Protein backbone atom coordinates (compact mmCIF):
# COMPACT_ATOMS: atom_id res chain seq x y z
CA MET A 1 0.00 0.00 0.00
CA SER A 2 1.39 3.40 -0.83
CA ASP A 3 -0.75 6.18 0.64
CA PRO A 4 0.28 9.47 2.23
CA VAL A 5 0.03 10.01 5.97
CA GLY A 6 -3.38 11.64 5.56
CA HIS A 7 -4.87 8.18 4.87
CA GLN A 8 -7.60 7.50 7.43
CA GLY A 9 -7.62 3.70 7.16
CA PRO A 10 -5.95 1.32 9.61
CA ALA A 11 -2.52 1.61 7.99
CA ALA A 12 -0.68 3.96 5.70
CA SER A 13 2.55 3.67 3.81
CA GLY A 14 4.43 6.03 1.58
CA PRO A 15 6.59 9.12 1.56
CA ALA A 16 4.76 10.40 4.58
CA ILE A 17 6.98 12.98 6.15
CA GLY A 18 9.70 14.41 3.95
CA GLY A 19 11.13 14.59 0.51
CA GLU A 20 14.81 13.86 1.05
CA SER A 21 16.16 10.37 1.45
CA ALA A 22 17.84 9.46 4.71
CA GLY A 23 21.21 9.39 2.94
CA ASN A 24 20.80 12.92 1.59
CA ALA A 25 19.60 14.49 4.84
CA GLY A 26 22.88 14.09 6.68
CA SER A 27 25.28 11.52 7.99
CA THR A 28 24.10 8.05 8.93
CA GLU A 29 25.00 8.78 12.56
CA ASN A 30 22.73 11.84 12.53
CA VAL A 31 19.84 9.77 11.15
CA GLU A 32 20.43 7.03 13.72
CA TYR A 33 20.46 9.65 16.49
CA ARG A 34 17.16 11.12 15.24
CA VAL A 35 15.54 7.67 15.09
CA ALA A 36 16.74 6.90 18.63
CA HIS A 37 15.39 10.24 19.83
CA LEU A 38 12.02 9.41 18.22
CA HIS A 39 11.94 6.10 20.13
CA ASP A 40 12.72 7.96 23.36
CA ARG A 41 9.93 10.49 22.81
CA LEU A 42 7.36 7.83 21.94
CA ALA A 43 8.17 5.93 25.14
CA ALA A 44 8.50 8.94 27.45
CA GLU A 45 5.65 11.24 26.46
CA GLU A 46 2.03 10.78 27.52
CA LEU A 47 1.57 8.08 24.87
CA GLY A 48 4.02 5.66 26.45
CA GLU A 49 3.91 3.95 23.05
CA LEU A 50 6.27 1.00 22.80
CA GLY A 51 4.45 -0.83 19.99
CA VAL A 52 5.90 1.35 17.21
CA ARG A 53 9.30 0.73 15.63
CA ALA A 54 11.35 3.09 13.50
CA GLU A 55 14.14 1.53 11.45
CA ILE A 56 16.46 2.74 8.72
CA ARG A 57 15.76 0.68 5.59
CA ALA A 58 17.09 1.30 2.08
CA GLY A 59 17.83 4.98 2.65
CA ALA A 60 14.48 5.76 4.31
CA ILE A 61 12.87 5.40 7.72
CA ALA A 62 10.26 2.65 8.12
CA LEU A 63 7.73 3.33 10.87
CA THR A 64 5.78 0.17 11.74
CA GLY A 65 3.62 -1.19 14.53
CA THR A 66 0.18 -1.35 16.10
CA VAL A 67 -1.50 1.32 18.21
CA PRO A 68 -4.74 1.18 20.22
CA SER A 69 -6.57 4.10 18.58
CA ALA A 70 -6.64 6.47 15.62
CA ARG A 71 -5.89 9.33 18.03
CA CYS A 72 -2.74 7.53 19.21
CA ARG A 73 -1.73 6.93 15.57
CA GLU A 74 -2.09 10.63 14.80
CA SER A 75 0.04 11.51 17.83
CA VAL A 76 2.75 9.07 16.73
CA LEU A 77 2.74 10.56 13.22
CA ARG A 78 2.89 14.11 14.61
CA ILE A 79 5.92 13.26 16.76
CA ALA A 80 7.56 11.50 13.79
CA ARG A 81 7.04 14.61 11.63
CA GLU A 82 8.74 16.71 14.30
CA GLU A 83 11.69 14.38 14.87
CA LEU A 84 12.27 13.20 11.30
CA ALA A 85 11.56 16.37 9.31
CA GLY A 86 13.37 16.33 5.98
CA LEU A 87 13.72 12.54 5.84
CA THR A 88 11.74 10.07 3.74
CA VAL A 89 9.48 8.10 6.06
CA HIS A 90 7.27 5.16 5.10
CA THR A 91 4.53 4.38 7.60
CA ASP A 92 2.66 1.17 8.25
CA ILE A 93 0.98 1.81 11.59
CA VAL A 94 -2.13 -0.27 12.18
CA VAL A 95 -4.94 0.72 14.55
CA ALA A 96 -6.02 -2.30 16.61
CA GLU A 97 -9.76 -2.92 16.48
CA THR A 98 -10.94 -2.97 20.08
CA THR A 99 -14.70 -2.61 19.67
CA ARG A 100 -17.14 -5.39 20.47
CA PRO A 101 -18.21 -7.58 17.58
CA ASP A 102 -21.59 -6.60 16.20
CA HIS A 103 -22.54 -10.21 15.33
CA ALA A 104 -21.79 -13.76 16.40
CA GLU A 105 -18.96 -15.61 14.73
CA GLU A 106 -20.13 -18.49 12.57
CA LEU A 107 -17.99 -21.62 12.75
């Protein structure tokens, strides 16, 4: 799937945050530092989100994982925009469905 961050479905992937590749935005150490800082912010802020991973893959940042709500997903994407501005980021963050089933499962 290759949609921009504005996609409202359960997951989105694509050049979500910036236009430059991770290799063009600075040294590899700088990118690694920024990714580590993103992890720290996701864990430390009010979200306490540990289910999202950010990894450097093929010159871009891959943001993957599962979050409990669309609001949490938007917060994660906002923080990623702040921390990874100028880098190419592909997102695949899924919102876990936590509502009751509306019908019985047929076996």
